[in-house]
Amino acid sequence: RDVLLKDTQAYNTWKFCGEQTHDRILAYAVELTSAANGTVQGNLYELDYQQHFQHIRDAALPVGANRLIYESGMREIGPKEHFDSHPDKYFGEFVRYEMQPRDPELLKVAIRQEQRSRESAQPGDFKEHLAALHTGLIEAEAQRIAADMKRLAAPNSPDKNHFMVEVSPYFTKLASSRDTDQLLAMLPYKSLHLSSVKDRFG
């Protein structure tokens, strides 16, 4: 919902990632279908992030008001009016706030259009999807390392005897020793080893 409203945190995050980063972004739409005995069930739809980001940027609607919700009631203020989390003398403790659309009916239409756009999606195998993502993570890191290595004109190790590229700290946090072995096997070098360097994290 909020990603379809301009200036909400969800919209700004979606927009920032599309405009300010070149990283690969995995994006999904989550559709909840049921909840019972502490278990939530639903559907997960993979999105083409760049395509969806551009769609959201064009389709998002303006905010008309901020709804301030307290323990015993609520009130609405203009979208640019300042507010804080102090208790209200009539409604008690502050609970949360919600940005409300200028035209609620247009937001309902936009949400229905988003839902309809997913109706033709084909069912997938979740385990296969996770396995493919894992393999893709290793392949992407191997490609990045090879590309960075090609850009080096001279040895850049501390002793100036070897070419050196930092392994992504994001990769090292997620990778197992087996993943690291697969990464090394993908790289097209006769001599290669991993070592730690002071003030480097990958």
N, C-alpha and C. Protein backbone atom coordinates (compact mmCIF):
# COMPACT_ATOMS: atom_id res chain seq x y z
N ARG A 1 0.83 -1.22 0.00
CA ARG A 1 0.00 0.00 0.00
C ARG A 1 0.86 1.27 0.00
N ASP A 2 1.74 1.38 1.00
CA ASP A 2 2.47 2.63 1.16
C ASP A 2 3.43 2.93 0.01
N VAL A 3 3.90 1.88 -0.67
CA VAL A 3 4.82 2.14 -1.78
C VAL A 3 4.12 2.88 -2.92
N LEU A 4 2.79 2.83 -2.91
CA LEU A 4 2.00 3.53 -3.93
C LEU A 4 1.65 4.96 -3.52
N LEU A 5 2.16 5.39 -2.36
CA LEU A 5 1.91 6.75 -1.88
C LEU A 5 3.23 7.53 -1.85
N LYS A 6 3.27 8.64 -2.54
CA LYS A 6 4.50 9.44 -2.59
C LYS A 6 4.89 9.94 -1.20
N ASP A 7 6.20 9.95 -0.97
CA ASP A 7 6.81 10.51 0.25
C ASP A 7 6.65 9.62 1.47
N THR A 8 6.05 8.45 1.33
CA THR A 8 6.07 7.51 2.45
C THR A 8 7.45 6.88 2.53
N GLN A 9 7.76 6.28 3.67
CA GLN A 9 9.06 5.63 3.82
C GLN A 9 9.23 4.51 2.80
N ALA A 10 8.16 3.75 2.58
CA ALA A 10 8.23 2.64 1.61
C ALA A 10 8.50 3.15 0.20
N TYR A 11 7.81 4.21 -0.18
CA TYR A 11 8.01 4.79 -1.53
C TYR A 11 9.42 5.34 -1.68
N ASN A 12 9.88 6.08 -0.67
CA ASN A 12 11.21 6.68 -0.76
C ASN A 12 12.31 5.63 -0.82
N THR A 13 12.14 4.53 -0.07
CA THR A 13 13.12 3.45 -0.11
C THR A 13 13.14 2.80 -1.48
N TRP A 14 11.96 2.51 -2.02
CA TRP A 14 11.83 1.89 -3.35
C TRP A 14 12.48 2.78 -4.41
N LYS A 15 12.24 4.08 -4.30
CA LYS A 15 12.77 5.04 -5.26
C LYS A 15 14.28 5.22 -5.10
N PHE A 16 14.75 5.29 -3.87
CA PHE A 16 16.18 5.47 -3.62
C PHE A 16 16.98 4.31 -4.20
N CYS A 17 16.53 3.09 -3.95
CA CYS A 17 17.26 1.92 -4.45
C CYS A 17 17.32 1.91 -5.98
N GLY A 18 16.26 2.39 -6.61
CA GLY A 18 16.24 2.41 -8.06
C GLY A 18 17.11 3.49 -8.67
N GLU A 19 17.28 4.59 -7.94
CA GLU A 19 18.01 5.74 -8.49
C GLU A 19 19.45 5.85 -8.01
N GLN A 20 19.74 5.30 -6.82
CA GLN A 20 21.03 5.58 -6.20
C GLN A 20 21.97 4.40 -6.08
N THR A 21 21.55 3.20 -6.45
CA THR A 21 22.45 2.06 -6.32
C THR A 21 22.48 1.27 -7.62
N HIS A 22 23.64 0.68 -7.89
CA HIS A 22 23.79 -0.18 -9.06
C HIS A 22 23.82 -1.65 -8.65
N ASP A 23 23.60 -1.92 -7.38
CA ASP A 23 23.60 -3.30 -6.90
C ASP A 23 22.40 -4.05 -7.47
N ARG A 24 22.57 -5.35 -7.58
CA ARG A 24 21.43 -6.18 -7.97
C ARG A 24 20.45 -6.24 -6.81
N ILE A 25 19.19 -5.99 -7.09
CA ILE A 25 18.18 -5.96 -6.05
C ILE A 25 17.15 -7.06 -6.29
N LEU A 26 16.93 -7.86 -5.26
CA LEU A 26 15.89 -8.89 -5.31
C LEU A 26 14.63 -8.29 -4.69
N ALA A 27 13.55 -8.30 -5.43
CA ALA A 27 12.31 -7.69 -4.96
C ALA A 27 11.15 -8.67 -5.13
N TYR A 28 10.26 -8.66 -4.14
CA TYR A 28 9.12 -9.58 -4.16
C TYR A 28 7.87 -8.86 -3.68
N ALA A 29 6.74 -9.28 -4.19
CA ALA A 29 5.45 -8.86 -3.67
C ALA A 29 4.92 -10.00 -2.81
N VAL A 30 4.47 -9.67 -1.61
CA VAL A 30 3.97 -10.69 -0.68
C VAL A 30 2.45 -10.55 -0.58
N GLU A 31 1.76 -11.64 -0.80
CA GLU A 31 0.30 -11.66 -0.72
C GLU A 31 -0.10 -12.63 0.38
N LEU A 32 -0.68 -12.13 1.45
CA LEU A 32 -1.11 -12.98 2.57
C LEU A 32 -2.48 -13.56 2.26
N THR A 33 -2.62 -14.86 2.45
CA THR A 33 -3.89 -15.53 2.15
C THR A 33 -4.58 -16.08 3.38
N SER A 34 -3.83 -16.40 4.43
CA SER A 34 -4.45 -16.95 5.64
C SER A 34 -3.49 -16.87 6.82
N ALA A 35 -4.06 -16.96 8.00
CA ALA A 35 -3.26 -16.99 9.23
C ALA A 35 -4.01 -17.83 10.25
N ALA A 36 -3.33 -18.85 10.78
CA ALA A 36 -3.96 -19.72 11.76
C ALA A 36 -2.90 -20.36 12.63
N ASN A 37 -3.18 -20.43 13.94
CA ASN A 37 -2.28 -21.08 14.89
C ASN A 37 -0.86 -20.52 14.83
N GLY A 38 -0.77 -19.22 14.66
CA GLY A 38 0.54 -18.59 14.64
C GLY A 38 1.31 -18.74 13.35
N THR A 39 0.68 -19.31 12.32
CA THR A 39 1.34 -19.51 11.03
C THR A 39 0.67 -18.65 9.97
N VAL A 40 1.46 -17.89 9.25
CA VAL A 40 0.96 -17.04 8.17
C VAL A 40 1.27 -17.71 6.85
N GLN A 41 0.29 -17.78 5.97
CA GLN A 41 0.49 -18.37 4.65
C GLN A 41 0.17 -17.35 3.57
N GLY A 42 0.77 -17.55 2.41
CA GLY A 42 0.51 -16.63 1.32
C GLY A 42 1.31 -16.96 0.09
N ASN A 43 1.38 -16.02 -0.80
CA ASN A 43 2.09 -16.19 -2.06
C ASN A 43 3.21 -15.16 -2.17
N LEU A 44 4.28 -15.57 -2.82
CA LEU A 44 5.44 -14.71 -3.03
C LEU A 44 5.64 -14.54 -4.53
N TYR A 45 5.68 -13.30 -4.99
CA TYR A 45 5.83 -13.03 -6.42
C TYR A 45 7.15 -12.29 -6.66
N GLU A 46 7.99 -12.87 -7.49
CA GLU A 46 9.25 -12.21 -7.82
C GLU A 46 8.98 -11.05 -8.78
N LEU A 47 9.61 -9.91 -8.51
CA LEU A 47 9.43 -8.72 -9.33
C LEU A 47 10.71 -8.38 -10.08
N ASP A 48 10.55 -7.84 -11.27
CA ASP A 48 11.67 -7.23 -11.97
C ASP A 48 11.84 -5.85 -11.35
N TYR A 49 12.84 -5.69 -10.49
CA TYR A 49 12.91 -4.48 -9.68
C TYR A 49 12.97 -3.20 -10.51
N GLN A 50 13.87 -3.15 -11.49
CA GLN A 50 14.01 -1.92 -12.27
C GLN A 50 12.71 -1.55 -12.99
N GLN A 51 12.06 -2.56 -13.54
CA GLN A 51 10.80 -2.32 -14.23
C GLN A 51 9.73 -1.85 -13.24
N HIS A 52 9.67 -2.50 -12.09
CA HIS A 52 8.64 -2.16 -11.11
C HIS A 52 8.91 -0.80 -10.47
N PHE A 53 10.18 -0.49 -10.24
CA PHE A 53 10.53 0.82 -9.68
C PHE A 53 10.05 1.94 -10.60
N GLN A 54 10.28 1.79 -11.90
CA GLN A 54 9.85 2.82 -12.85
C GLN A 54 8.33 2.92 -12.89
N HIS A 55 7.66 1.77 -12.77
CA HIS A 55 6.19 1.77 -12.75
C HIS A 55 5.67 2.50 -11.51
N ILE A 56 6.26 2.20 -10.36
CA ILE A 56 5.82 2.84 -9.11
C ILE A 56 6.08 4.34 -9.15
N ARG A 57 7.20 4.74 -9.69
CA ARG A 57 7.53 6.16 -9.78
C ARG A 57 6.47 6.91 -10.58
N ASP A 58 5.91 6.26 -11.60
CA ASP A 58 4.89 6.90 -12.44
C ASP A 58 3.49 6.78 -11.85
N ALA A 59 3.24 5.69 -11.11
CA ALA A 59 1.87 5.40 -10.67
C ALA A 59 1.56 5.90 -9.26
N ALA A 60 2.57 6.25 -8.46
CA ALA A 60 2.34 6.63 -7.06
C ALA A 60 1.44 7.86 -6.96
N LEU A 61 0.65 7.88 -5.90
CA LEU A 61 -0.36 8.93 -5.68
C LEU A 61 0.06 9.88 -4.57
N PRO A 62 -0.44 11.11 -4.57
CA PRO A 62 -0.08 12.07 -3.52
C PRO A 62 -0.78 11.76 -2.20
N VAL A 63 -0.11 12.14 -1.12
CA VAL A 63 -0.67 11.99 0.23
C VAL A 63 -1.56 13.18 0.54
N GLY A 64 -2.69 12.90 1.19
CA GLY A 64 -3.61 13.99 1.53
C GLY A 64 -3.60 14.37 2.99
N ALA A 65 -3.20 13.42 3.87
CA ALA A 65 -3.22 13.70 5.30
C ALA A 65 -2.39 12.67 6.04
N ASN A 66 -1.96 13.05 7.25
CA ASN A 66 -1.35 12.11 8.18
C ASN A 66 -2.38 11.75 9.23
N ARG A 67 -2.63 10.47 9.40
CA ARG A 67 -3.57 10.02 10.43
C ARG A 67 -2.77 9.61 11.66
N LEU A 68 -2.98 10.31 12.76
CA LEU A 68 -2.29 10.02 14.02
C LEU A 68 -3.19 9.13 14.86
N ILE A 69 -2.69 7.97 15.21
CA ILE A 69 -3.49 6.97 15.92
C ILE A 69 -2.99 6.86 17.36
N TYR A 70 -3.92 7.05 18.29
CA TYR A 70 -3.62 6.98 19.72
C TYR A 70 -4.36 5.81 20.33
N GLU A 71 -4.11 5.54 21.60
CA GLU A 71 -4.72 4.38 22.24
C GLU A 71 -6.24 4.49 22.35
N SER A 72 -6.77 5.72 22.35
CA SER A 72 -8.22 5.88 22.51
C SER A 72 -8.87 6.69 21.40
N GLY A 73 -8.22 6.82 20.28
CA GLY A 73 -8.81 7.58 19.18
C GLY A 73 -7.76 8.00 18.16
N MET A 74 -8.17 8.83 17.24
CA MET A 74 -7.23 9.29 16.22
C MET A 74 -7.67 10.65 15.70
N ARG A 75 -6.73 11.32 15.03
CA ARG A 75 -7.04 12.58 14.38
C ARG A 75 -6.15 12.72 13.15
N GLU A 76 -6.56 13.57 12.23
CA GLU A 76 -5.81 13.76 11.00
C GLU A 76 -5.30 15.19 10.90
N ILE A 77 -4.09 15.32 10.36
CA ILE A 77 -3.50 16.62 10.13
C ILE A 77 -3.00 16.68 8.69
N GLY A 78 -2.65 17.85 8.23
CA GLY A 78 -2.15 18.00 6.87
C GLY A 78 -0.84 17.26 6.65
N PRO A 79 -0.54 16.89 5.42
CA PRO A 79 0.66 16.09 5.14
C PRO A 79 1.96 16.79 5.47
N LYS A 80 1.97 18.11 5.55
CA LYS A 80 3.20 18.86 5.84
C LYS A 80 3.25 19.36 7.28
N GLU A 81 2.17 19.13 8.05
CA GLU A 81 2.14 19.60 9.43
C GLU A 81 3.06 18.76 10.31
N HIS A 82 3.74 19.42 11.25
CA HIS A 82 4.65 18.73 12.16
C HIS A 82 3.85 17.97 13.22
N PHE A 83 4.36 16.81 13.61
CA PHE A 83 3.77 16.07 14.73
C PHE A 83 4.87 15.28 15.41
N ASP A 84 4.59 14.84 16.63
CA ASP A 84 5.56 14.01 17.35
C ASP A 84 4.82 12.88 18.05
N SER A 85 5.54 12.12 18.84
CA SER A 85 4.95 10.94 19.49
C SER A 85 4.49 11.22 20.91
N HIS A 86 4.32 12.48 21.27
CA HIS A 86 3.84 12.81 22.60
C HIS A 86 2.37 12.38 22.77
N PRO A 87 1.96 12.05 23.99
CA PRO A 87 0.56 11.68 24.22
C PRO A 87 -0.38 12.83 23.87
N ASP A 88 -1.60 12.49 23.49
CA ASP A 88 -2.63 13.48 23.20
C ASP A 88 -3.50 13.64 24.45
N LYS A 89 -3.86 14.87 24.77
CA LYS A 89 -4.60 15.10 26.01
C LYS A 89 -5.99 14.48 25.98
N TYR A 90 -6.51 14.20 24.79
CA TYR A 90 -7.84 13.57 24.68
C TYR A 90 -7.75 12.07 24.41
N PHE A 91 -6.80 11.65 23.59
CA PHE A 91 -6.76 10.26 23.11
C PHE A 91 -5.67 9.40 23.75
N GLY A 92 -4.85 9.98 24.60
CA GLY A 92 -3.86 9.18 25.32
C GLY A 92 -2.56 8.96 24.56
N GLU A 93 -1.94 7.81 24.81
CA GLU A 93 -0.62 7.51 24.26
C GLU A 93 -0.64 7.38 22.73
N PHE A 94 0.42 7.89 22.13
CA PHE A 94 0.58 7.77 20.68
C PHE A 94 0.94 6.33 20.32
N VAL A 95 0.29 5.79 19.28
CA VAL A 95 0.54 4.41 18.85
C VAL A 95 1.32 4.38 17.54
N ARG A 96 0.81 5.05 16.53
CA ARG A 96 1.48 5.07 15.22
C ARG A 96 0.82 6.14 14.34
N TYR A 97 1.38 6.33 13.16
CA TYR A 97 0.74 7.22 12.20
C TYR A 97 0.66 6.52 10.85
N GLU A 98 -0.32 6.92 10.07
CA GLU A 98 -0.50 6.38 8.73
C GLU A 98 -0.69 7.53 7.75
N MET A 99 0.00 7.49 6.64
CA MET A 99 -0.22 8.48 5.58
C MET A 99 -1.45 8.07 4.78
N GLN A 100 -2.36 9.00 4.58
CA GLN A 100 -3.60 8.73 3.87
C GLN A 100 -3.57 9.36 2.48
N PRO A 101 -4.12 8.68 1.48
CA PRO A 101 -4.11 9.23 0.12
C PRO A 101 -5.05 10.42 -0.02
N ARG A 102 -4.71 11.30 -0.93
CA ARG A 102 -5.61 12.43 -1.22
C ARG A 102 -6.93 11.91 -1.78
N ASP A 103 -6.86 10.84 -2.58
CA ASP A 103 -8.06 10.23 -3.16
C ASP A 103 -8.06 8.74 -2.83
N PRO A 104 -8.75 8.32 -1.76
CA PRO A 104 -8.75 6.91 -1.35
C PRO A 104 -9.22 5.95 -2.44
N GLU A 105 -10.17 6.38 -3.27
CA GLU A 105 -10.67 5.50 -4.32
C GLU A 105 -9.60 5.21 -5.37
N LEU A 106 -8.80 6.21 -5.69
CA LEU A 106 -7.72 5.99 -6.65
C LEU A 106 -6.69 5.00 -6.11
N LEU A 107 -6.44 5.06 -4.80
CA LEU A 107 -5.50 4.10 -4.20
C LEU A 107 -6.06 2.69 -4.27
N LYS A 108 -7.35 2.53 -4.02
CA LYS A 108 -7.97 1.21 -4.13
C LYS A 108 -7.84 0.66 -5.54
N VAL A 109 -8.05 1.51 -6.52
CA VAL A 109 -7.92 1.10 -7.93
C VAL A 109 -6.48 0.69 -8.21
N ALA A 110 -5.51 1.46 -7.73
CA ALA A 110 -4.10 1.16 -7.97
C ALA A 110 -3.71 -0.17 -7.34
N ILE A 111 -4.21 -0.44 -6.13
CA ILE A 111 -3.91 -1.71 -5.47
C ILE A 111 -4.51 -2.88 -6.23
N ARG A 112 -5.75 -2.71 -6.71
CA ARG A 112 -6.39 -3.78 -7.50
C ARG A 112 -5.61 -4.04 -8.79
N GLN A 113 -5.10 -2.99 -9.41
CA GLN A 113 -4.31 -3.16 -10.63
C GLN A 113 -3.03 -3.93 -10.35
N GLU A 114 -2.41 -3.66 -9.21
CA GLU A 114 -1.20 -4.40 -8.83
C GLU A 114 -1.53 -5.88 -8.64
N GLN A 115 -2.66 -6.15 -8.00
CA GLN A 115 -3.06 -7.54 -7.77
C GLN A 115 -3.36 -8.25 -9.09
N ARG A 116 -4.06 -7.56 -9.99
CA ARG A 116 -4.40 -8.17 -11.28
C ARG A 116 -3.15 -8.45 -12.12
N SER A 117 -2.15 -7.60 -11.97
CA SER A 117 -0.93 -7.79 -12.77
C SER A 117 -0.19 -9.07 -12.40
N ARG A 118 -0.52 -9.65 -11.24
CA ARG A 118 0.15 -10.88 -10.80
C ARG A 118 -0.67 -12.14 -11.08
N GLU A 119 -1.90 -11.97 -11.58
CA GLU A 119 -2.78 -13.12 -11.77
C GLU A 119 -2.25 -14.12 -12.79
N SER A 120 -1.47 -13.65 -13.75
CA SER A 120 -0.96 -14.55 -14.79
C SER A 120 0.37 -15.21 -14.41
N ALA A 121 0.85 -14.94 -13.21
CA ALA A 121 2.13 -15.50 -12.79
C ALA A 121 2.06 -17.02 -12.71
N GLN A 122 3.13 -17.69 -13.12
CA GLN A 122 3.19 -19.15 -13.10
C GLN A 122 3.75 -19.63 -11.76
N PRO A 123 3.18 -20.70 -11.19
CA PRO A 123 3.71 -21.24 -9.93
C PRO A 123 5.16 -21.71 -10.11
N GLY A 124 5.95 -21.52 -9.08
CA GLY A 124 7.34 -21.95 -9.13
C GLY A 124 7.67 -22.84 -7.95
N ASP A 125 8.87 -23.41 -7.98
CA ASP A 125 9.36 -24.25 -6.89
C ASP A 125 10.27 -23.39 -6.00
N PHE A 126 9.87 -23.22 -4.75
CA PHE A 126 10.59 -22.30 -3.87
C PHE A 126 12.02 -22.78 -3.61
N LYS A 127 12.20 -24.08 -3.40
CA LYS A 127 13.54 -24.61 -3.15
C LYS A 127 14.45 -24.42 -4.36
N GLU A 128 13.89 -24.63 -5.55
CA GLU A 128 14.68 -24.42 -6.77
C GLU A 128 15.05 -22.95 -6.92
N HIS A 129 14.12 -22.08 -6.56
CA HIS A 129 14.38 -20.64 -6.66
C HIS A 129 15.51 -20.23 -5.72
N LEU A 130 15.49 -20.75 -4.48
CA LEU A 130 16.54 -20.42 -3.53
C LEU A 130 17.89 -20.96 -3.99
N ALA A 131 17.88 -22.17 -4.56
CA ALA A 131 19.13 -22.76 -5.05
C ALA A 131 19.70 -21.92 -6.20
N ALA A 132 18.82 -21.45 -7.08
CA ALA A 132 19.27 -20.63 -8.21
C ALA A 132 19.82 -19.29 -7.71
N LEU A 133 19.20 -18.71 -6.69
CA LEU A 133 19.70 -17.46 -6.12
C LEU A 133 21.08 -17.66 -5.52
N HIS A 134 21.26 -18.80 -4.85
CA HIS A 134 22.54 -19.09 -4.20
C HIS A 134 23.65 -19.23 -5.24
N THR A 135 23.35 -19.98 -6.30
CA THR A 135 24.33 -20.14 -7.38
C THR A 135 24.62 -18.80 -8.04
N GLY A 136 23.58 -18.01 -8.24
CA GLY A 136 23.75 -16.70 -8.86
C GLY A 136 24.61 -15.77 -8.03
N LEU A 137 24.50 -15.89 -6.69
CA LEU A 137 25.33 -15.07 -5.80
C LEU A 137 26.81 -15.36 -6.03
N ILE A 138 27.15 -16.64 -6.14
CA ILE A 138 28.55 -17.03 -6.35
C ILE A 138 29.03 -16.58 -7.72
N GLU A 139 28.20 -16.80 -8.74
CA GLU A 139 28.58 -16.41 -10.11
C GLU A 139 28.77 -14.90 -10.22
N ALA A 140 27.88 -14.14 -9.59
CA ALA A 140 27.98 -12.68 -9.66
C ALA A 140 29.26 -12.18 -8.99
N GLU A 141 29.62 -12.80 -7.86
CA GLU A 141 30.85 -12.39 -7.18
C GLU A 141 32.08 -12.75 -8.01
N ALA A 142 32.06 -13.91 -8.66
CA ALA A 142 33.18 -14.30 -9.53
C ALA A 142 33.32 -13.32 -10.69
N GLN A 143 32.22 -12.93 -11.28
CA GLN A 143 32.26 -11.97 -12.40
C GLN A 143 32.77 -10.61 -11.94
N ARG A 144 32.35 -10.19 -10.75
CA ARG A 144 32.81 -8.90 -10.23
C ARG A 144 34.31 -8.91 -9.97
N ILE A 145 34.80 -9.99 -9.36
CA ILE A 145 36.23 -10.10 -9.07
C ILE A 145 37.04 -10.09 -10.36
N ALA A 146 36.60 -10.86 -11.35
CA ALA A 146 37.31 -10.92 -12.64
C ALA A 146 37.34 -9.56 -13.31
N ALA A 147 36.22 -8.84 -13.25
CA ALA A 147 36.15 -7.51 -13.87
C ALA A 147 37.08 -6.53 -13.15
N ASP A 148 37.09 -6.58 -11.80
CA ASP A 148 37.97 -5.69 -11.04
C ASP A 148 39.44 -6.02 -11.30
N MET A 149 39.74 -7.31 -11.45
CA MET A 149 41.11 -7.72 -11.70
C MET A 149 41.60 -7.20 -13.06
N LYS A 150 40.73 -7.22 -14.05
CA LYS A 150 41.11 -6.74 -15.39
C LYS A 150 41.45 -5.25 -15.40
N ARG A 151 40.87 -4.53 -14.46
CA ARG A 151 41.11 -3.08 -14.43
C ARG A 151 42.46 -2.71 -13.80
N LEU A 152 43.12 -3.68 -13.19
CA LEU A 152 44.40 -3.40 -12.53
C LEU A 152 45.53 -3.37 -13.56
N ALA A 153 46.27 -2.29 -13.58
CA ALA A 153 47.38 -2.15 -14.54
C ALA A 153 48.70 -2.67 -13.98
N ALA A 154 48.79 -2.77 -12.64
CA ALA A 154 50.03 -3.22 -12.02
C ALA A 154 49.70 -3.91 -10.70
N PRO A 155 50.62 -4.75 -10.20
CA PRO A 155 50.38 -5.42 -8.91
C PRO A 155 50.07 -4.40 -7.82
N ASN A 156 49.08 -4.72 -6.99
CA ASN A 156 48.64 -3.77 -5.97
C ASN A 156 48.63 -4.35 -4.57
N SER A 157 49.26 -5.52 -4.38
CA SER A 157 49.36 -6.09 -3.05
C SER A 157 50.33 -5.26 -2.22
N PRO A 158 50.33 -5.39 -0.89
CA PRO A 158 51.24 -4.59 -0.05
C PRO A 158 52.71 -4.70 -0.46
N ASP A 159 53.14 -5.90 -0.92
CA ASP A 159 54.54 -6.07 -1.33
C ASP A 159 54.75 -5.79 -2.82
N LYS A 160 53.66 -5.40 -3.52
CA LYS A 160 53.70 -5.06 -4.95
C LYS A 160 54.13 -6.22 -5.84
N ASN A 161 53.88 -7.45 -5.37
CA ASN A 161 54.25 -8.63 -6.15
C ASN A 161 53.04 -9.34 -6.75
N HIS A 162 51.86 -9.01 -6.29
CA HIS A 162 50.67 -9.73 -6.72
C HIS A 162 49.54 -8.75 -7.04
N PHE A 163 48.64 -9.22 -7.88
CA PHE A 163 47.39 -8.50 -8.11
C PHE A 163 46.40 -8.91 -7.02
N MET A 164 45.64 -7.96 -6.52
CA MET A 164 44.77 -8.24 -5.38
C MET A 164 43.42 -7.55 -5.58
N VAL A 165 42.35 -8.29 -5.31
CA VAL A 165 40.99 -7.75 -5.34
C VAL A 165 40.28 -8.18 -4.06
N GLU A 166 39.55 -7.27 -3.47
CA GLU A 166 38.83 -7.57 -2.24
C GLU A 166 37.56 -8.38 -2.54
N VAL A 167 37.37 -9.45 -1.80
CA VAL A 167 36.12 -10.21 -1.88
C VAL A 167 35.05 -9.41 -1.14
N SER A 168 33.88 -9.33 -1.72
CA SER A 168 32.80 -8.54 -1.13
C SER A 168 32.52 -8.99 0.30
N PRO A 169 32.48 -8.05 1.26
CA PRO A 169 32.14 -8.42 2.64
C PRO A 169 30.73 -8.98 2.75
N TYR A 170 29.84 -8.58 1.83
CA TYR A 170 28.49 -9.13 1.84
C TYR A 170 28.52 -10.61 1.45
N PHE A 171 29.40 -10.94 0.50
CA PHE A 171 29.53 -12.34 0.09
C PHE A 171 30.11 -13.17 1.23
N THR A 172 31.15 -12.67 1.88
CA THR A 172 31.81 -13.45 2.94
C THR A 172 30.88 -13.69 4.12
N LYS A 173 29.95 -12.77 4.36
CA LYS A 173 29.00 -12.96 5.46
C LYS A 173 28.01 -14.08 5.17
N LEU A 174 27.69 -14.26 3.89
CA LEU A 174 26.68 -15.25 3.50
C LEU A 174 27.27 -16.59 3.09
N ALA A 175 28.53 -16.60 2.68
CA ALA A 175 29.11 -17.79 2.04
C ALA A 175 29.64 -18.80 3.05
N SER A 176 29.46 -20.08 2.70
CA SER A 176 30.07 -21.17 3.46
C SER A 176 31.45 -21.46 2.85
N SER A 177 32.20 -22.34 3.49
CA SER A 177 33.51 -22.71 2.94
C SER A 177 33.35 -23.38 1.57
N ARG A 178 32.27 -24.13 1.41
CA ARG A 178 32.00 -24.76 0.11
C ARG A 178 31.71 -23.70 -0.96
N ASP A 179 30.97 -22.67 -0.58
CA ASP A 179 30.70 -21.58 -1.53
C ASP A 179 31.99 -20.89 -1.96
N THR A 180 32.89 -20.69 -1.00
CA THR A 180 34.17 -20.06 -1.30
C THR A 180 34.99 -20.92 -2.25
N ASP A 181 34.95 -22.24 -2.04
CA ASP A 181 35.66 -23.15 -2.95
C ASP A 181 35.09 -23.05 -4.36
N GLN A 182 33.76 -22.96 -4.46
CA GLN A 182 33.12 -22.83 -5.78
C GLN A 182 33.50 -21.51 -6.43
N LEU A 183 33.59 -20.46 -5.62
CA LEU A 183 33.99 -19.15 -6.14
C LEU A 183 35.39 -19.21 -6.75
N LEU A 184 36.33 -19.81 -6.02
CA LEU A 184 37.70 -19.91 -6.51
C LEU A 184 37.78 -20.74 -7.79
N ALA A 185 36.94 -21.79 -7.85
CA ALA A 185 36.95 -22.67 -9.04
C ALA A 185 36.42 -21.94 -10.27
N MET A 186 35.56 -20.95 -10.08
CA MET A 186 35.00 -20.21 -11.21
C MET A 186 35.96 -19.17 -11.78
N LEU A 187 36.95 -18.78 -11.02
CA LEU A 187 37.84 -17.71 -11.46
C LEU A 187 38.93 -18.24 -12.39
N PRO A 188 39.23 -17.54 -13.48
CA PRO A 188 40.13 -18.05 -14.53
C PRO A 188 41.61 -17.76 -14.28
N TYR A 189 42.10 -18.13 -13.09
CA TYR A 189 43.50 -17.84 -12.78
C TYR A 189 44.23 -19.12 -12.37
N LYS A 190 45.48 -19.25 -12.81
CA LYS A 190 46.28 -20.45 -12.49
C LYS A 190 46.71 -20.44 -11.03
N SER A 191 47.06 -19.29 -10.53
CA SER A 191 47.51 -19.16 -9.15
C SER A 191 46.59 -18.20 -8.41
N LEU A 192 45.99 -18.68 -7.34
CA LEU A 192 45.00 -17.87 -6.63
C LEU A 192 44.87 -18.35 -5.20
N HIS A 193 44.82 -17.43 -4.26
CA HIS A 193 44.55 -17.82 -2.88
C HIS A 193 43.89 -16.66 -2.14
N LEU A 194 43.21 -17.01 -1.05
CA LEU A 194 42.55 -16.01 -0.22
C LEU A 194 43.41 -15.72 1.00
N SER A 195 43.50 -14.46 1.36
CA SER A 195 44.24 -14.09 2.57
C SER A 195 43.63 -12.83 3.14
N SER A 196 43.84 -12.61 4.41
CA SER A 196 43.32 -11.40 5.05
C SER A 196 44.38 -10.31 5.01
N VAL A 197 43.92 -9.09 4.85
CA VAL A 197 44.80 -7.93 4.80
C VAL A 197 44.30 -6.92 5.82
N LYS A 198 45.20 -6.31 6.53
CA LYS A 198 44.83 -5.34 7.56
C LYS A 198 43.96 -4.23 6.96
N ASP A 199 42.90 -3.90 7.69
CA ASP A 199 41.96 -2.84 7.30
C ASP A 199 41.11 -3.20 6.09
N ARG A 200 41.15 -4.45 5.68
CA ARG A 200 40.25 -4.92 4.62
C ARG A 200 39.30 -5.94 5.24
N PHE A 201 38.09 -6.02 4.73
CA PHE A 201 37.07 -6.86 5.33
C PHE A 201 36.69 -8.05 4.47
N GLY A 202 36.99 -8.03 3.17
CA GLY A 202 36.63 -9.13 2.29
C GLY A 202 37.77 -10.09 2.09
